[in-house]
C-alpha atoms as a PDB file:
ATOM      1  CA  MET A   1      46.723  18.769 -95.094  1.00  0.00           C
ATOM      2  CA  SER A   2      49.829  20.600 -93.892  1.00  0.00           C
ATOM      3  CA  LEU A   3      50.955  23.010 -91.191  1.00  0.00           C
ATOM      4  CA  GLY A   4      54.226  24.827 -91.845  1.00  0.00           C
ATOM      5  CA  VAL A   5      57.418  23.189 -93.066  1.00  0.00           C
ATOM      6  CA  LYS A   6      60.136  21.738 -90.825  1.00  0.00           C
ATOM      7  CA  ASN A   7      62.999  20.681 -93.072  1.00  0.00           C
ATOM      8  CA  ILE A   8      64.103  19.288 -96.419  1.00  0.00           C
ATOM      9  CA  LYS A   9      66.483  16.356 -96.780  1.00  0.00           C
ATOM     10  CA  LEU A  10      68.368  16.392-100.098  1.00  0.00           C
ATOM     11  CA  ALA A  11      70.711  13.992-101.885  1.00  0.00           C
ATOM     12  CA  LEU A  12      72.262  13.499-105.300  1.00  0.00           C
ATOM     13  CA  VAL A  13      71.200  10.228-106.920  1.00  0.00           C
ATOM     14  CA  ASN A  14      72.133   8.205-109.991  1.00  0.00           C
ATOM     15  CA  LYS A  15      69.782   7.174-112.811  1.00  0.00           C
ATOM     16  CA  ASN A  16      68.494   4.269-110.688  1.00  0.00           C
ATOM     17  CA  GLY A  17      67.687   6.557-107.765  1.00  0.00           C
ATOM     18  CA  GLU A  18      70.617   5.357-105.646  1.00  0.00           C
ATOM     19  CA  VAL A  19      72.232   7.964-103.388  1.00  0.00           C
ATOM     20  CA  LEU A  20      75.703   9.167-104.308  1.00  0.00           C
ATOM     21  CA  THR A  21      78.145   9.693-101.457  1.00  0.00           C
ATOM     22  CA  GLY A  22      81.590  11.113-100.784  1.00  0.00           C
ATOM     23  CA  ALA A  23      83.305  12.862-103.696  1.00  0.00           C
ATOM     24  CA  ASP A  24      80.322  12.084-105.966  1.00  0.00           C
ATOM     25  CA  GLY A  25      77.607  13.193-103.564  1.00  0.00           C
ATOM     26  CA  ILE A  26      76.027  16.361-102.257  1.00  0.00           C
ATOM     27  CA  TYR A  27      79.071  17.135-100.061  1.00  0.00           C
ATOM     28  CA  LYS A  28      81.497  16.919-103.021  1.00  0.00           C
ATOM     29  CA  TYR A  29      82.613  20.549-102.683  1.00  0.00           C
ATOM     30  CA  THR A  30      82.999  20.510 -98.892  1.00  0.00           C
ATOM     31  CA  ASP A  31      85.558  19.154 -96.448  1.00  0.00           C
ATOM     32  CA  GLN A  32      82.907  16.648 -95.378  1.00  0.00           C
ATOM     33  CA  ALA A  33      83.221  14.729 -98.658  1.00  0.00           C
ATOM     34  CA  ALA A  34      86.097  12.644 -97.270  1.00  0.00           C
ATOM     35  CA  THR A  35      83.982  11.285 -94.412  1.00  0.00           C
ATOM     36  CA  ASP A  36      80.477  11.376 -95.917  1.00  0.00           C
ATOM     37  CA  LYS A  37      78.763   7.983 -95.815  1.00  0.00           C
ATOM     38  CA  THR A  38      75.084   8.946 -96.166  1.00  0.00           C
ATOM     39  CA  GLY A  39      75.043  11.481 -99.002  1.00  0.00           C
ATOM     40  CA  VAL A  40      72.053  13.234 -97.371  1.00  0.00           C
ATOM     41  CA  PHE A  41      72.012  16.918 -96.373  1.00  0.00           C
ATOM     42  CA  THR A  42      69.280  18.259 -94.077  1.00  0.00           C
ATOM     43  CA  ALA A  43      68.305  21.879 -94.694  1.00  0.00           C
ATOM     44  CA  ASP A  44      66.738  23.348 -91.536  1.00  0.00           C
ATOM     45  CA  GLN A  45      67.088  26.246 -89.113  1.00  0.00           C
ATOM     46  CA  ASP A  46      70.524  25.048 -88.003  1.00  0.00           C
ATOM     47  CA  THR A  47      72.144  24.470 -91.399  1.00  0.00           C
ATOM     48  CA  SER A  48      70.282  26.895 -93.692  1.00  0.00           C
ATOM     49  CA  TYR A  49      68.387  29.425 -91.546  1.00  0.00           C
ATOM     50  CA  GLY A  50      65.258  27.413 -92.219  1.00  0.00           C
ATOM     51  CA  ILE A  51      62.870  26.684 -95.069  1.00  0.00           C
ATOM     52  CA  ALA A  52      60.661  29.480 -96.392  1.00  0.00           C
ATOM     53  CA  SER A  53      58.403  27.385 -98.631  1.00  0.00           C
ATOM     54  CA  VAL A  54      58.036  24.299-100.809  1.00  0.00           C
ATOM     55  CA  ALA A  55      55.690  24.676-103.780  1.00  0.00           C
ATOM     56  CA  LEU A  56      54.752  21.600-105.812  1.00  0.00           C
ATOM     57  CA  SER A  57      52.866  21.693-109.090  1.00  0.00           C
ATOM     58  CA  GLY A  58      52.044  19.390-111.985  1.00  0.00           C
ATOM     59  CA  LEU A  59      51.218  16.518-109.641  1.00  0.00           C
ATOM     60  CA  SER A  60      48.558  15.288-112.049  1.00  0.00           C
ATOM     61  CA  GLY A  61      47.872  15.768-115.734  1.00  0.00           C
ATOM     62  CA  ALA A  62      44.964  17.370-117.554  1.00  0.00           C
ATOM     63  CA  THR A  63      41.677  15.584-118.056  1.00  0.00           C
ATOM     64  CA  THR A  64      39.882  15.578-121.421  1.00  0.00           C
ATOM     65  CA  PRO A  65      36.223  14.615-121.855  1.00  0.00           C
ATOM     66  CA  ILE A  66      35.504  12.058-124.602  1.00  0.00           C
ATOM     67  CA  TYR A  67      32.105  12.486-126.200  1.00  0.00           C
ATOM     68  CA  GLY A  68      29.895   9.852-127.757  1.00  0.00           C
ATOM     69  CA  SER A  69      26.166   9.736-128.525  1.00  0.00           C
ATOM     70  CA  ASP A  70      25.831  13.358-127.436  1.00  0.00           C
ATOM     71  CA  GLU A  71      27.243  12.852-123.949  1.00  0.00           C
ATOM     72  CA  VAL A  72      30.526  12.419-122.078  1.00  0.00           C
ATOM     73  CA  VAL A  73      31.219   8.694-122.112  1.00  0.00           C
ATOM     74  CA  PHE A  74      34.810   8.673-120.898  1.00  0.00           C
ATOM     75  CA  THR A  75      37.444  10.977-119.450  1.00  0.00           C
ATOM     76  CA  SER A  76      40.969  10.752-120.788  1.00  0.00           C
ATOM     77  CA  THR A  77      43.566  11.456-118.093  1.00  0.00           C
ATOM     78  CA  GLY A  78      46.990  12.773-119.001  1.00  0.00           C
ATOM     79  CA  LYS A  79      50.116  12.228-116.947  1.00  0.00           C
ATOM     80  CA  GLY A  80      51.506  15.082-114.881  1.00  0.00           C
ATOM     81  CA  THR A  81      55.108  16.218-114.799  1.00  0.00           C
ATOM     82  CA  PRO A  82      55.728  17.272-111.206  1.00  0.00           C
ATOM     83  CA  SER A  83      57.846  20.320-110.515  1.00  0.00           C
ATOM     84  CA  SER A  84      58.888  21.768-107.167  1.00  0.00           C
ATOM     85  CA  VAL A  85      60.207  25.157-106.085  1.00  0.00           C
ATOM     86  CA  LEU A  86      62.278  24.911-102.907  1.00  0.00           C
ATOM     87  CA  THR A  87      62.789  28.286-101.226  1.00  0.00           C
ATOM     88  CA  ILE A  88      65.482  28.061 -98.577  1.00  0.00           C
ATOM     89  CA  ASN A  89      66.662  31.056 -96.586  1.00  0.00           C
ATOM     90  CA  ALA A  90      70.402  30.402 -96.812  1.00  0.00           C
ATOM     91  CA  LEU A  91      71.427  27.106 -98.374  1.00  0.00           C
ATOM     92  CA  PRO A  92      75.208  26.636 -97.952  1.00  0.00           C
ATOM     93  CA  ASN A  93      76.895  27.776-101.172  1.00  0.00           C
ATOM     94  CA  GLU A  94      78.793  24.543-101.838  1.00  0.00           C
ATOM     95  CA  ILE A  95      75.703  22.394-101.242  1.00  0.00           C
ATOM     96  CA  LYS A  96      73.676  24.601-103.587  1.00  0.00           C
ATOM     97  CA  GLN A  97      76.247  24.348-106.369  1.00  0.00           C
ATOM     98  CA  ALA A  98      76.319  20.550-106.031  1.00  0.00           C
ATOM     99  CA  ILE A  99      72.523  20.442-106.287  1.00  0.00           C
ATOM    100  CA  LEU A 100      72.578  22.662-109.388  1.00  0.00           C
ATOM    101  CA  GLY A 101      75.328  20.574-110.984  1.00  0.00           C
ATOM    102  CA  ASN A 102      77.673  23.537-111.427  1.00  0.00           C
ATOM    103  CA  ASP A 103      81.317  22.574-111.927  1.00  0.00           C
ATOM    104  CA  ALA A 104      83.964  23.892-109.526  1.00  0.00           C
ATOM    105  CA  ASP A 105      87.196  25.384-110.875  1.00  0.00           C
ATOM    106  CA  GLY A 106      89.140  24.495-107.721  1.00  0.00           C
ATOM    107  CA  LYS A 107      89.689  28.173-106.902  1.00  0.00           C
ATOM    108  CA  GLY A 108      86.340  29.070-105.363  1.00  0.00           C
ATOM    109  CA  GLY A 109      84.541  29.550-108.672  1.00  0.00           C
ATOM    110  CA  PHE A 110      81.527  27.643-110.015  1.00  0.00           C
ATOM    111  CA  SER A 111      80.352  27.581-113.618  1.00  0.00           C
ATOM    112  CA  ILE A 112      77.264  29.279-115.000  1.00  0.00           C
ATOM    113  CA  ALA A 113      76.580  26.949-117.925  1.00  0.00           C
ATOM    114  CA  GLY A 114      73.275  28.475-119.037  1.00  0.00           C
ATOM    115  CA  LYS A 115      71.463  25.130-118.852  1.00  0.00           C
ATOM    116  CA  ALA A 116      70.598  22.574-116.209  1.00  0.00           C
ATOM    117  CA  ASP A 117      72.656  19.388-116.048  1.00  0.00           C
ATOM    118  CA  SER A 118      70.239  16.594-116.957  1.00  0.00           C
ATOM    119  CA  ASN A 119      72.583  14.012-115.420  1.00  0.00           C
ATOM    120  CA  ASN A 120      72.707  15.741-112.032  1.00  0.00           C
ATOM    121  CA  ARG A 121      69.693  14.257-110.245  1.00  0.00           C
ATOM    122  CA  VAL A 122      68.366  15.377-106.865  1.00  0.00           C
ATOM    123  CA  ALA A 123      66.080  13.473-104.476  1.00  0.00           C
ATOM    124  CA  PHE A 124      64.361  15.238-101.603  1.00  0.00           C
ATOM    125  CA  LEU A 125      62.055  14.613 -98.658  1.00  0.00           C
ATOM    126  CA  VAL A 126      60.029  17.454 -97.102  1.00  0.00           C
ATOM    127  CA  GLU A 127      58.640  17.291 -93.557  1.00  0.00           C
ATOM    128  CA  SER A 128      55.518  19.204 -92.537  1.00  0.00           C
ATOM    129  CA  ARG A 129      52.759  18.452 -90.006  1.00  0.00           C
ATOM    130  CA  GLU A 130      49.051  17.667 -90.030  1.00  0.00           C
ATOM    131  CA  THR A 131      46.923  20.778 -90.528  1.00  0.00           C
ATOM    132  CA  PHE A 132      45.475  20.631 -87.017  1.00  0.00           C
ATOM    133  CA  ASP A 133      47.976  18.397 -85.241  1.00  0.00           C
ATOM    134  CA  ASP A 134      51.446  19.780 -84.633  1.00  0.00           C
ATOM    135  CA  THR A 135      52.604  16.405 -83.296  1.00  0.00           C
ATOM    136  CA  ALA A 136      51.792  14.388 -86.440  1.00  0.00           C
ATOM    137  CA  PRO A 137      54.414  14.763 -89.209  1.00  0.00           C
ATOM    138  CA  VAL A 138      53.509  14.475 -92.887  1.00  0.00           C
ATOM    139  CA  TYR A 139      56.017  14.078 -95.705  1.00  0.00           C
ATOM    140  CA  ILE A 140      56.348  14.456 -99.458  1.00  0.00           C
ATOM    141  CA  GLY A 141      59.273  12.778-101.157  1.00  0.00           C
ATOM    142  CA  MET A 142      60.426  12.969-104.764  1.00  0.00           C
ATOM    143  CA  TYR A 143      62.723  10.264-106.118  1.00  0.00           C
ATOM    144  CA  ALA A 144      64.685  12.367-108.617  1.00  0.00           C
ATOM    145  CA  GLY A 145      64.642  15.699-110.378  1.00  0.00           C
ATOM    146  CA  ILE A 146      66.796  18.156-112.275  1.00  0.00           C
ATOM    147  CA  ALA A 147      67.542  21.320-110.306  1.00  0.00           C
ATOM    148  CA  SER A 148      67.913  24.792-111.771  1.00  0.00           C
ATOM    149  CA  GLU A 149      68.048  28.417-110.679  1.00  0.00           C
ATOM    150  CA  ALA A 150      66.620  30.609-113.432  1.00  0.00           C
ATOM    151  CA  ALA A 151      67.256  33.976-111.778  1.00  0.00           C
ATOM    152  CA  HIS A 152      68.881  35.614-108.787  1.00  0.00           C
ATOM    153  CA  THR A 153      68.244  39.273-107.978  1.00  0.00           C
ATOM    154  CA  MET A 154      70.350  41.392-105.642  1.00  0.00           C
ATOM    155  CA  THR A 155      68.880  44.689-104.410  1.00  0.00           C
ATOM    156  CA  SER A 156      70.288  47.526-102.349  1.00  0.00           C
ATOM    157  CA  ASN A 157      69.714  47.731 -98.637  1.00  0.00           C
ATOM    158  CA  ASN A 158      67.700  50.748 -97.497  1.00  0.00           C
ATOM    159  CA  ALA A 159      65.804  51.264 -94.256  1.00  0.00           C
ATOM    160  CA  ALA A 160      65.589  47.472 -94.199  1.00  0.00           C
ATOM    161  CA  ASP A 161      67.993  44.719 -95.178  1.00  0.00           C
ATOM    162  CA  ASN A 162      67.142  43.226 -98.574  1.00  0.00           C
ATOM    163  CA  ARG A 163      68.066  39.570 -98.748  1.00  0.00           C
ATOM    164  CA  ALA A 164      67.791  37.231-101.720  1.00  0.00           C
ATOM    165  CA  PHE A 165      66.802  33.708-100.706  1.00  0.00           C
ATOM    166  CA  ASP A 166      67.678  30.529-102.593  1.00  0.00           C
ATOM    167  CA  ALA A 167      64.810  29.503-104.885  1.00  0.00           C
ATOM    168  CA  ILE A 168      65.594  26.234-106.650  1.00  0.00           C
ATOM    169  CA  THR A 169      63.255  24.621-109.156  1.00  0.00           C
ATOM    170  CA  VAL A 170      63.359  20.824-109.357  1.00  0.00           C
ATOM    171  CA  ALA A 171      61.765  19.264-112.449  1.00  0.00           C
ATOM    172  CA  GLY A 172      60.675  15.738-111.571  1.00  0.00           C
ATOM    173  CA  GLN A 173      61.950  12.576-113.199  1.00  0.00           C
ATOM    174  CA  GLU A 174      60.585   9.099-112.624  1.00  0.00           C
ATOM    175  CA  ARG A 175      62.544   6.379-110.912  1.00  0.00           C
ATOM    176  CA  PRO A 176      62.297   3.313-113.165  1.00  0.00           C
ATOM    177  CA  GLY A 177      59.227   1.324-112.156  1.00  0.00           C
ATOM    178  CA  ALA A 178      58.399   3.530-109.159  1.00  0.00           C
ATOM    179  CA  GLY A 179      56.947   6.816-110.422  1.00  0.00           C
ATOM    180  CA  PHE A 180      57.860  10.293-109.195  1.00  0.00           C
ATOM    181  CA  GLY A 181      57.616   9.939-105.420  1.00  0.00           C
ATOM    182  CA  LYS A 182      55.248   9.412-102.485  1.00  0.00           C
ATOM    183  CA  TYR A 183      53.261  10.986 -99.676  1.00  0.00           C
ATOM    184  CA  TRP A 184      53.760   9.632 -96.161  1.00  0.00           C
ATOM    185  CA  PHE A 185      51.596  10.248 -93.097  1.00  0.00           C
ATOM    186  CA  SER A 186      52.724   9.404 -89.591  1.00  0.00           C
ATOM    187  CA  SER A 187      49.069   8.812 -88.701  1.00  0.00           C
ATOM    188  CA  ALA A 188      48.793   6.020 -91.269  1.00  0.00           C
ATOM    189  CA  LYS A 189      48.675   2.429 -90.050  1.00  0.00           C
ATOM    190  CA  SER A 190      52.143   0.857 -89.755  1.00  0.00           C
ATOM    191  CA  PHE A 191      53.974   4.085 -90.697  1.00  0.00           C
ATOM    192  CA  ASP A 192      57.705   3.320 -90.804  1.00  0.00           C
ATOM    193  CA  ALA A 193      60.076   6.305 -90.902  1.00  0.00           C
ATOM    194  CA  THR A 194      63.098   4.097 -91.532  1.00  0.00           C
ATOM    195  CA  ALA A 195      61.423   2.480 -94.535  1.00  0.00           C
ATOM    196  CA  MET A 196      60.391   5.911 -95.824  1.00  0.00           C
ATOM    197  CA  ASN A 197      63.943   7.232 -95.746  1.00  0.00           C
ATOM    198  CA  ALA A 198      65.267   4.042 -97.332  1.00  0.00           C
ATOM    199  CA  ASP A 199      62.715   4.405-100.126  1.00  0.00           C
ATOM    200  CA  ILE A 200      63.553   7.998-101.022  1.00  0.00           C
ATOM    201  CA  PHE A 201      67.274   7.751-100.297  1.00  0.00           C
ATOM    202  CA  LYS A 202      67.893   4.390-101.882  1.00  0.00           C
ATOM    203  CA  ALA A 203      71.191   2.771-100.927  1.00  0.00           C
ATOM    204  CA  ALA A 204      73.565   1.838-103.728  1.00  0.00           C
ATOM    205  CA  THR A 205      73.367  -1.792-104.805  1.00  0.00           C
ATOM    206  CA  ALA A 206      76.605  -3.724-104.429  1.00  0.00           C
ATOM    207  CA  PRO A 207      77.908  -5.039-107.772  1.00  0.00           C
ATOM    208  CA  LYS A 208      77.465  -8.729-108.409  1.00  0.00           C
ATOM    209  CA  THR A 209      80.490 -10.991-108.118  1.00  0.00           C
ATOM    210  CA  GLY A 210      82.611 -10.813-111.235  1.00  0.00           C
ATOM    211  CA  GLN A 211      81.289  -7.409-112.346  1.00  0.00           C
END
């Protein structure tokens, strides 16, 4: 299904899946917060020394056979709880801390709270390509998830440099009425990249008059 990985677009979103921008968004700890209008950061070879891997699991739940009259008469299907591990070679520090929901102290420090912030939601869209067609992009997008970094190991250099990459686990949450996310294939009839991005990175809804 896939050949390599090109990039990951990431954004902070609210409980309705709407992208947060500016001082509330993914650029909150950078100088770009004052001018940010999109709230979307693209991790690629230019911004993050590239993506090492994206591993998704829990995309479907377990199945349980239901027996009756000495045979399987039905299969009960449980619901999965998708989880993703994003391994990025060098995610900018301030972007990473915003994704993890770590608070800044205003002096270059960021908190280690010991637990993930369940109100700090991350949406992402991964671009790969068709297994045997380098010109045909494929995508997986997740509407929202809670990011965490369970461990980070630093080791001494020796005859080779020893680098620790950024491995962030994102536990999926459902967007109300929409599920966890979607696959997109550029080969599919009427594929619309603009609609895809608008779906994953949902624009904030303007408040109604009087609210």
